[in-house]
Every structure is written in structure tokens, then in C-alpha cells.
Amino acid sequence: MDTHRPENPAFELMNNHLALAVRELFDAYGFAVDPSPLVEATSEPEKEGMAVIGYAGNGLRGAVILIATEPTVCAWMTAADLSDGEVADTLGEFSNMLLGRLKAKLLGEGIVIFATTPTTATGVGLRLSNPPGQCAWCTFDGPDWRVTVRLDAKFDRGFEPDLSRKAAPPALAGGFIEF
């Protein structure tokens, strides 16, 4: 299942920043998450949700995919005080916040990306095809739940971060900015 091919330093950088962004996102909601080994399911498949959010930049494009079971997303909804929300909407919003955090981290590295709107799906036994570029799976254990994240990226030949556009990361959403 792991199709991670470490052949591009920019991809490795993105993947490392994504892992940090996952931890920071869930920490903001009071959940400590730790990386865990990616394991194949051995029991009956559960109903799960998947959010796919695309991104594009100068010389690269791809997606971040977030996969979790319904009970997991319900735990997030409780933590975010979204008791009357929809599971699919919450999963989409968490993928949006995750990509936003990744985008902020990449700005400091000279990699500028723009996000699309997330698309969600729910069901039993959801499967993903392999992307045309590189991909890496990461799994994180939270309190009594697990979330899986996949980074897909396709780089144009000769892609390099644009260090002339290297910028300090913007303030995080909800942060205080004084004018």
C-alpha cells in the first residue's frame, strides 16, 4: 500500500511538514496524536470518510487525502463543538485546515501552493488509485481513534523551490494580529 518513493527532496520536505501539520492541527483541538505504523485492516471494514483536497503551485500539483472512520470524525466534532454538523462536512473542513497549515509551512521554504475545495466521500471499503507522481501514507493514533493521511505530488521536471518568494509563515487562523 505504501507507494512512497523518496526521489525528490521537495517531496520529502512537503511530507515532513505535513506530518508536523497533522500534529499541530489535532493539538489545537486537544488531541495528542502520534505517528503509528500503517497496517492493513484485518477486521470487517467500518464505514469511513475520505476528504480529498487538491493544491497547485508553480511546477507542482497534487492532493492531501484525509481518511477516518465515522466515530473518529464524531470525536472531532465533539471537540470542535459541532454537535449539529455533518460528518462529511467536518472531514472536509479538517482537510482544509490541514492543507492550510501545510501551505503556511511551505511558504517559509519558497514553495507557494493554492488550494482547491475539498471533496468528500463516505462508505465501506473506500479505495484510492495510485497517483501519477509520488505519494506517501502516514497514520496517526489519537485517543481511541486513528487517522490516515496521504500526500500526493507531481512535480514538473527541474522543479525547485522559489527562494526569492521565501516568506515568513502567516499567522495561524484564529491567531492575534496587531495592526
C-alpha atoms as a PDB file:
ATOM      1  CA  MET A   1       0.000   0.000   0.000  1.00  0.00           C
ATOM      2  CA  ASP A   2       2.890   2.379   0.637  1.00  0.00           C
ATOM      3  CA  THR A   3       3.977   3.862  -2.689  1.00  0.00           C
ATOM      4  CA  HIS A   4       6.322   6.415  -1.151  1.00  0.00           C
ATOM      5  CA  ARG A   5       9.329   6.850  -3.388  1.00  0.00           C
ATOM      6  CA  PRO A   6      11.917   9.199  -1.791  1.00  0.00           C
ATOM      7  CA  GLU A   7      13.364  10.566  -5.001  1.00  0.00           C
ATOM      8  CA  ASN A   8      12.633  14.265  -4.643  1.00  0.00           C
ATOM      9  CA  PRO A   9      13.910  16.479  -1.798  1.00  0.00           C
ATOM     10  CA  ALA A  10      10.939  18.839  -2.251  1.00  0.00           C
ATOM     11  CA  PHE A  11       8.544  15.923  -1.764  1.00  0.00           C
ATOM     12  CA  GLU A  12      10.381  14.830   1.386  1.00  0.00           C
ATOM     13  CA  LEU A  13      10.192  18.390   2.696  1.00  0.00           C
ATOM     14  CA  MET A  14       6.455  18.545   1.991  1.00  0.00           C
ATOM     15  CA  ASN A  15       5.858  15.171   3.611  1.00  0.00           C
ATOM     16  CA  ASN A  16       7.794  16.142   6.749  1.00  0.00           C
ATOM     17  CA  HIS A  17       5.887  19.418   7.038  1.00  0.00           C
ATOM     18  CA  LEU A  18       2.595  17.567   6.545  1.00  0.00           C
ATOM     19  CA  ALA A  19       3.359  15.272   9.487  1.00  0.00           C
ATOM     20  CA  LEU A  20       4.023  18.338  11.657  1.00  0.00           C
ATOM     21  CA  ALA A  21       0.833  19.986  10.415  1.00  0.00           C
ATOM     22  CA  VAL A  22      -1.220  16.913  11.364  1.00  0.00           C
ATOM     23  CA  ARG A  23       0.132  17.000  14.906  1.00  0.00           C
ATOM     24  CA  GLU A  24      -0.462  20.754  15.233  1.00  0.00           C
ATOM     25  CA  LEU A  25      -3.993  20.561  13.841  1.00  0.00           C
ATOM     26  CA  PHE A  26      -5.148  17.917  16.270  1.00  0.00           C
ATOM     27  CA  ASP A  27      -3.245  19.521  19.146  1.00  0.00           C
ATOM     28  CA  ALA A  28      -5.300  22.678  18.526  1.00  0.00           C
ATOM     29  CA  TYR A  29      -8.406  20.609  19.349  1.00  0.00           C
ATOM     30  CA  GLY A  30      -6.892  18.987  22.424  1.00  0.00           C
ATOM     31  CA  PHE A  31      -5.912  15.688  20.785  1.00  0.00           C
ATOM     32  CA  ALA A  32      -2.378  14.382  21.075  1.00  0.00           C
ATOM     33  CA  VAL A  33      -1.616  12.261  18.018  1.00  0.00           C
ATOM     34  CA  ASP A  34       1.412  10.091  17.432  1.00  0.00           C
ATOM     35  CA  PRO A  35       2.656   8.528  14.215  1.00  0.00           C
ATOM     36  CA  SER A  36       1.847   4.838  14.019  1.00  0.00           C
ATOM     37  CA  PRO A  37       2.657   2.063  11.588  1.00  0.00           C
ATOM     38  CA  LEU A  38       0.420   1.767   8.566  1.00  0.00           C
ATOM     39  CA  VAL A  39      -1.426  -1.514   8.929  1.00  0.00           C
ATOM     40  CA  GLU A  40      -3.793  -3.345   6.644  1.00  0.00           C
ATOM     41  CA  ALA A  41      -7.280  -3.823   8.048  1.00  0.00           C
ATOM     42  CA  THR A  42      -7.839  -7.310   9.391  1.00  0.00           C
ATOM     43  CA  SER A  43     -11.411  -6.998  10.678  1.00  0.00           C
ATOM     44  CA  GLU A  44     -14.679  -6.156   8.986  1.00  0.00           C
ATOM     45  CA  PRO A  45     -14.371  -2.804   7.239  1.00  0.00           C
ATOM     46  CA  GLU A  46     -16.055   0.103   9.000  1.00  0.00           C
ATOM     47  CA  LYS A  47     -17.881   2.984   7.421  1.00  0.00           C
ATOM     48  CA  GLU A  48     -15.305   5.672   6.878  1.00  0.00           C
ATOM     49  CA  GLY A  49     -14.995   9.042   5.297  1.00  0.00           C
ATOM     50  CA  MET A  50     -12.415  10.458   2.977  1.00  0.00           C
ATOM     51  CA  ALA A  51     -11.685  14.073   2.105  1.00  0.00           C
ATOM     52  CA  VAL A  52      -9.540  14.948  -0.895  1.00  0.00           C
ATOM     53  CA  ILE A  53      -8.250  18.498  -1.227  1.00  0.00           C
ATOM     54  CA  GLY A  54      -6.153  19.436  -4.221  1.00  0.00           C
ATOM     55  CA  TYR A  55      -3.423  22.013  -4.495  1.00  0.00           C
ATOM     56  CA  ALA A  56      -1.348  23.539  -7.260  1.00  0.00           C
ATOM     57  CA  GLY A  57       1.653  25.794  -7.487  1.00  0.00           C
ATOM     58  CA  ASN A  58       4.264  26.833  -9.989  1.00  0.00           C
ATOM     59  CA  GLY A  59       5.662  23.490 -11.159  1.00  0.00           C
ATOM     60  CA  LEU A  60       3.750  21.194  -8.831  1.00  0.00           C
ATOM     61  CA  ARG A  61       0.277  19.859  -8.166  1.00  0.00           C
ATOM     62  CA  GLY A  62      -1.277  17.189  -6.030  1.00  0.00           C
ATOM     63  CA  ALA A  63      -3.637  16.459  -3.174  1.00  0.00           C
ATOM     64  CA  VAL A  64      -3.845  15.791   0.525  1.00  0.00           C
ATOM     65  CA  ILE A  65      -6.209  12.975   1.465  1.00  0.00           C
ATOM     66  CA  LEU A  66      -7.603  12.507   4.955  1.00  0.00           C
ATOM     67  CA  ILE A  67      -9.287   9.202   5.896  1.00  0.00           C
ATOM     68  CA  ALA A  68     -11.069   8.415   9.164  1.00  0.00           C
ATOM     69  CA  THR A  69     -13.945   6.317  10.464  1.00  0.00           C
ATOM     70  CA  GLU A  70     -17.255   7.976  11.325  1.00  0.00           C
ATOM     71  CA  PRO A  71     -16.747   7.559  15.105  1.00  0.00           C
ATOM     72  CA  THR A  72     -13.369   9.283  14.743  1.00  0.00           C
ATOM     73  CA  VAL A  73     -14.882  12.270  12.952  1.00  0.00           C
ATOM     74  CA  CYS A  74     -17.666  12.392  15.564  1.00  0.00           C
ATOM     75  CA  ALA A  75     -14.959  12.733  18.246  1.00  0.00           C
ATOM     76  CA  TRP A  76     -13.521  15.680  16.305  1.00  0.00           C
ATOM     77  CA  MET A  77     -16.989  17.204  16.056  1.00  0.00           C
ATOM     78  CA  THR A  78     -17.440  16.972  19.812  1.00  0.00           C
ATOM     79  CA  ALA A  79     -14.044  18.598  20.408  1.00  0.00           C
ATOM     80  CA  ALA A  80     -14.876  21.394  17.949  1.00  0.00           C
ATOM     81  CA  ASP A  81     -18.390  21.830  19.420  1.00  0.00           C
ATOM     82  CA  LEU A  82     -20.051  20.880  16.131  1.00  0.00           C
ATOM     83  CA  SER A  83     -22.756  18.616  17.504  1.00  0.00           C
ATOM     84  CA  ASP A  84     -25.256  19.516  14.798  1.00  0.00           C
ATOM     85  CA  GLY A  85     -22.807  19.298  11.880  1.00  0.00           C
ATOM     86  CA  GLU A  86     -22.402  16.662   9.191  1.00  0.00           C
ATOM     87  CA  VAL A  87     -19.597  14.109   9.311  1.00  0.00           C
ATOM     88  CA  ALA A  88     -18.632  14.704   5.671  1.00  0.00           C
ATOM     89  CA  ASP A  89     -18.547  18.489   6.152  1.00  0.00           C
ATOM     90  CA  THR A  90     -16.361  18.142   9.246  1.00  0.00           C
ATOM     91  CA  LEU A  91     -13.954  15.826   7.455  1.00  0.00           C
ATOM     92  CA  GLY A  92     -13.751  18.279   4.561  1.00  0.00           C
ATOM     93  CA  GLU A  93     -13.102  21.184   6.926  1.00  0.00           C
ATOM     94  CA  PHE A  94     -10.350  19.292   8.760  1.00  0.00           C
ATOM     95  CA  SER A  95      -8.690  18.534   5.398  1.00  0.00           C
ATOM     96  CA  ASN A  96      -8.958  22.225   4.508  1.00  0.00           C
ATOM     97  CA  MET A  97      -7.365  23.262   7.817  1.00  0.00           C
ATOM     98  CA  LEU A  98      -4.641  20.643   7.359  1.00  0.00           C
ATOM     99  CA  LEU A  99      -3.744  21.871   3.877  1.00  0.00           C
ATOM    100  CA  GLY A 100      -3.811  25.456   5.171  1.00  0.00           C
ATOM    101  CA  ARG A 101      -1.258  24.554   7.811  1.00  0.00           C
ATOM    102  CA  LEU A 102       0.894  22.782   5.211  1.00  0.00           C
ATOM    103  CA  LYS A 103       0.633  25.791   2.900  1.00  0.00           C
ATOM    104  CA  ALA A 104       1.814  28.119   5.685  1.00  0.00           C
ATOM    105  CA  LYS A 105       4.824  25.891   6.412  1.00  0.00           C
ATOM    106  CA  LEU A 106       5.767  25.643   2.741  1.00  0.00           C
ATOM    107  CA  LEU A 107       5.757  29.438   2.306  1.00  0.00           C
ATOM    108  CA  GLY A 108       8.804  29.547   4.566  1.00  0.00           C
ATOM    109  CA  GLU A 109      10.520  27.089   2.213  1.00  0.00           C
ATOM    110  CA  GLY A 110       9.829  29.005  -1.005  1.00  0.00           C
ATOM    111  CA  ILE A 111       7.025  26.671  -2.111  1.00  0.00           C
ATOM    112  CA  VAL A 112       3.776  28.501  -2.832  1.00  0.00           C
ATOM    113  CA  ILE A 113       0.631  26.422  -3.290  1.00  0.00           C
ATOM    114  CA  PHE A 114      -3.031  27.276  -3.818  1.00  0.00           C
ATOM    115  CA  ALA A 115      -5.808  25.052  -2.509  1.00  0.00           C
ATOM    116  CA  THR A 116      -8.976  23.768  -4.096  1.00  0.00           C
ATOM    117  CA  THR A 117     -12.250  22.975  -2.361  1.00  0.00           C
ATOM    118  CA  PRO A 118     -12.279  19.588  -0.604  1.00  0.00           C
ATOM    119  CA  THR A 119     -14.361  16.728  -1.929  1.00  0.00           C
ATOM    120  CA  THR A 120     -15.646  14.105   0.487  1.00  0.00           C
ATOM    121  CA  ALA A 121     -16.880  10.541   0.201  1.00  0.00           C
ATOM    122  CA  THR A 122     -18.198   8.055   2.736  1.00  0.00           C
ATOM    123  CA  GLY A 123     -18.653   4.320   2.529  1.00  0.00           C
ATOM    124  CA  VAL A 124     -17.258   0.935   3.402  1.00  0.00           C
ATOM    125  CA  GLY A 125     -14.029  -0.259   1.791  1.00  0.00           C
ATOM    126  CA  LEU A 126     -13.087   3.031   0.108  1.00  0.00           C
ATOM    127  CA  ARG A 127     -10.106   2.609  -2.222  1.00  0.00           C
ATOM    128  CA  LEU A 128      -7.760   5.065  -3.857  1.00  0.00           C
ATOM    129  CA  SER A 129      -5.876   4.662  -7.088  1.00  0.00           C
ATOM    130  CA  ASN A 130      -2.163   5.369  -7.254  1.00  0.00           C
ATOM    131  CA  PRO A 131      -1.392   8.930  -8.322  1.00  0.00           C
ATOM    132  CA  PRO A 132       0.771   9.689 -11.366  1.00  0.00           C
ATOM    133  CA  GLY A 133       3.526  11.265  -9.234  1.00  0.00           C
ATOM    134  CA  GLN A 134       4.769  10.483  -5.771  1.00  0.00           C
ATOM    135  CA  CYS A 135       2.708   9.636  -2.720  1.00  0.00           C
ATOM    136  CA  ALA A 136       3.271   8.825   0.926  1.00  0.00           C
ATOM    137  CA  TRP A 137       0.895   7.490   3.563  1.00  0.00           C
ATOM    138  CA  CYS A 138       1.056   8.488   7.235  1.00  0.00           C
ATOM    139  CA  THR A 139      -1.097   7.111  10.025  1.00  0.00           C
ATOM    140  CA  PHE A 140      -1.585   8.779  13.385  1.00  0.00           C
ATOM    141  CA  ASP A 141      -3.114   7.361  16.538  1.00  0.00           C
ATOM    142  CA  GLY A 142      -5.273   9.630  18.630  1.00  0.00           C
ATOM    143  CA  PRO A 143      -7.166   8.827  21.792  1.00  0.00           C
ATOM    144  CA  ASP A 144      -9.119   5.702  20.819  1.00  0.00           C
ATOM    145  CA  TRP A 145      -9.018   6.520  17.100  1.00  0.00           C
ATOM    146  CA  ARG A 146      -6.761   6.561  14.053  1.00  0.00           C
ATOM    147  CA  VAL A 147      -6.468   8.930  11.102  1.00  0.00           C
ATOM    148  CA  THR A 148      -4.663   8.250   7.841  1.00  0.00           C
ATOM    149  CA  VAL A 149      -3.225  10.977   5.629  1.00  0.00           C
ATOM    150  CA  ARG A 150      -1.829  10.636   2.117  1.00  0.00           C
ATOM    151  CA  LEU A 151       0.258  13.231   0.317  1.00  0.00           C
ATOM    152  CA  ASP A 152       0.203  13.090  -3.476  1.00  0.00           C
ATOM    153  CA  ALA A 153       2.547  15.294  -5.505  1.00  0.00           C
ATOM    154  CA  LYS A 154       3.570  15.599  -9.127  1.00  0.00           C
ATOM    155  CA  PHE A 155       6.474  17.914  -9.914  1.00  0.00           C
ATOM    156  CA  ASP A 156       7.432  19.379 -13.261  1.00  0.00           C
ATOM    157  CA  ARG A 157      10.889  18.372 -14.471  1.00  0.00           C
ATOM    158  CA  GLY A 158      13.528  20.504 -12.768  1.00  0.00           C
ATOM    159  CA  PHE A 159      11.206  21.786 -10.034  1.00  0.00           C
ATOM    160  CA  GLU A 160      12.993  23.814  -7.368  1.00  0.00           C
ATOM    161  CA  PRO A 161      11.559  25.911  -4.549  1.00  0.00           C
ATOM    162  CA  ASP A 162      11.492  29.613  -5.453  1.00  0.00           C
ATOM    163  CA  LEU A 163      13.725  31.016  -2.735  1.00  0.00           C
ATOM    164  CA  SER A 164      13.040  34.566  -3.968  1.00  0.00           C
ATOM    165  CA  ARG A 165       9.454  34.034  -2.781  1.00  0.00           C
ATOM    166  CA  LYS A 166      10.525  32.565   0.534  1.00  0.00           C
ATOM    167  CA  ALA A 167       8.382  34.216   3.153  1.00  0.00           C
ATOM    168  CA  ALA A 168       7.730  34.044   6.842  1.00  0.00           C
ATOM    169  CA  PRO A 169       4.706  31.858   7.506  1.00  0.00           C
ATOM    170  CA  PRO A 170       1.474  33.793   8.015  1.00  0.00           C
ATOM    171  CA  ALA A 171      -0.342  33.864  11.349  1.00  0.00           C
ATOM    172  CA  LEU A 172      -2.402  30.764  12.026  1.00  0.00           C
ATOM    173  CA  ALA A 173      -6.161  31.012  11.740  1.00  0.00           C
ATOM    174  CA  GLY A 174      -7.585  32.380  14.937  1.00  0.00           C
ATOM    175  CA  GLY A 175      -4.259  33.960  15.861  1.00  0.00           C
ATOM    176  CA  PHE A 176      -3.988  37.549  17.083  1.00  0.00           C
ATOM    177  CA  ILE A 177      -2.612  40.110  14.651  1.00  0.00           C
ATOM    178  CA  GLU A 178      -1.973  43.691  15.792  1.00  0.00           C
ATOM    179  CA  PHE A 179      -2.122  46.459  13.182  1.00  0.00           C
END
